[in-house]
């Protein structure tokens, strides 16, 4: 699924208010500053701190 780049420019991490990056392979949003991953459910980003998962190092 493709994510709207214009939306990506205006949304921010709910924890630090920093930029989010779209992970096309995992269809998720990543905050590298907080090392959190936010899911995208049915094309809608779920930007809730309690739904975020820790970013795991992927080798």
C-alpha atoms as a PDB file:
ATOM      1  CA  UNK A   1       0.000   0.000   0.000  1.00  0.00           C
ATOM      2  CA  UNK A   2       1.221   3.499  -0.791  1.00  0.00           C
ATOM      3  CA  UNK A   3       1.226   6.207   1.835  1.00  0.00           C
ATOM      4  CA  UNK A   4       0.362   9.815   0.970  1.00  0.00           C
ATOM      5  CA  UNK A   5       3.575  11.861   1.086  1.00  0.00           C
ATOM      6  CA  UNK A   6       1.638  15.084   1.710  1.00  0.00           C
ATOM      7  CA  UNK A   7       0.151  13.551   4.854  1.00  0.00           C
ATOM      8  CA  UNK A   8       3.616  12.430   5.932  1.00  0.00           C
ATOM      9  CA  UNK A   9       4.789  16.057   5.751  1.00  0.00           C
ATOM     10  CA  UNK A  10       2.165  17.273   8.244  1.00  0.00           C
ATOM     11  CA  UNK A  11       1.887  14.455  10.793  1.00  0.00           C
ATOM     12  CA  UNK A  12       4.352  14.085  13.654  1.00  0.00           C
ATOM     13  CA  UNK A  13       5.288  11.655  16.375  1.00  0.00           C
ATOM     14  CA  UNK A  14       2.830  12.115  19.253  1.00  0.00           C
ATOM     15  CA  UNK A  15       5.639  11.645  21.795  1.00  0.00           C
ATOM     16  CA  UNK A  16       8.389  13.999  20.593  1.00  0.00           C
ATOM     17  CA  UNK A  17       6.570  15.883  17.794  1.00  0.00           C
ATOM     18  CA  UNK A  18       9.404  14.871  15.456  1.00  0.00           C
ATOM     19  CA  UNK A  19       9.317  13.683  11.855  1.00  0.00           C
ATOM     20  CA  UNK A  20       8.052  10.231  10.999  1.00  0.00           C
ATOM     21  CA  UNK A  21       9.434   8.034   8.240  1.00  0.00           C
ATOM     22  CA  UNK A  22       7.305   5.677   6.181  1.00  0.00           C
ATOM     23  CA  UNK A  23       8.528   2.078   6.039  1.00  0.00           C
ATOM     24  CA  UNK A  24       7.074   0.812   2.767  1.00  0.00           C
ATOM     25  CA  UNK A  25       8.111  -2.800   3.386  1.00  0.00           C
ATOM     26  CA  UNK A  26       6.443  -2.979   6.805  1.00  0.00           C
ATOM     27  CA  UNK A  27       3.657  -0.479   6.003  1.00  0.00           C
ATOM     28  CA  UNK A  28       4.310   1.429   9.218  1.00  0.00           C
ATOM     29  CA  UNK A  29       5.581   4.776  10.450  1.00  0.00           C
ATOM     30  CA  UNK A  30       8.861   5.060  12.332  1.00  0.00           C
ATOM     31  CA  UNK A  31      10.108   7.706  14.741  1.00  0.00           C
ATOM     32  CA  UNK A  32      13.872   7.268  14.840  1.00  0.00           C
ATOM     33  CA  UNK A  33      14.298   9.805  17.658  1.00  0.00           C
ATOM     34  CA  UNK A  34      12.130   7.803  20.066  1.00  0.00           C
ATOM     35  CA  UNK A  35      12.783   4.447  18.354  1.00  0.00           C
ATOM     36  CA  UNK A  36       9.035   3.793  18.082  1.00  0.00           C
ATOM     37  CA  UNK A  37       6.991   2.147  15.338  1.00  0.00           C
ATOM     38  CA  UNK A  38       3.389   3.175  14.686  1.00  0.00           C
ATOM     39  CA  UNK A  39       1.082   0.818  12.790  1.00  0.00           C
ATOM     40  CA  UNK A  40      -1.005   1.747   9.772  1.00  0.00           C
ATOM     41  CA  UNK A  41      -4.415   0.053   9.924  1.00  0.00           C
ATOM     42  CA  UNK A  42      -6.548  -0.004   6.783  1.00  0.00           C
ATOM     43  CA  UNK A  43      -4.547   2.920   5.393  1.00  0.00           C
ATOM     44  CA  UNK A  44      -4.935   5.028   8.547  1.00  0.00           C
ATOM     45  CA  UNK A  45      -1.897   5.780  10.733  1.00  0.00           C
ATOM     46  CA  UNK A  46      -2.527   4.887  14.373  1.00  0.00           C
ATOM     47  CA  UNK A  47      -0.574   7.606  16.182  1.00  0.00           C
ATOM     48  CA  UNK A  48      -1.294   6.565  19.739  1.00  0.00           C
ATOM     49  CA  UNK A  49       1.606   6.162  22.140  1.00  0.00           C
ATOM     50  CA  UNK A  50       0.089   3.064  23.723  1.00  0.00           C
ATOM     51  CA  UNK A  51      -0.195   1.362  20.295  1.00  0.00           C
ATOM     52  CA  UNK A  52       3.439   2.057  19.356  1.00  0.00           C
ATOM     53  CA  UNK A  53       6.010  -0.708  19.494  1.00  0.00           C
ATOM     54  CA  UNK A  54       9.735  -0.352  20.125  1.00  0.00           C
ATOM     55  CA  UNK A  55      11.895  -0.199  17.014  1.00  0.00           C
ATOM     56  CA  UNK A  56      13.972  -3.336  16.813  1.00  0.00           C
ATOM     57  CA  UNK A  57      17.344  -3.429  15.136  1.00  0.00           C
ATOM     58  CA  UNK A  58      16.937  -5.391  11.962  1.00  0.00           C
ATOM     59  CA  UNK A  59      20.148  -6.945  10.742  1.00  0.00           C
END
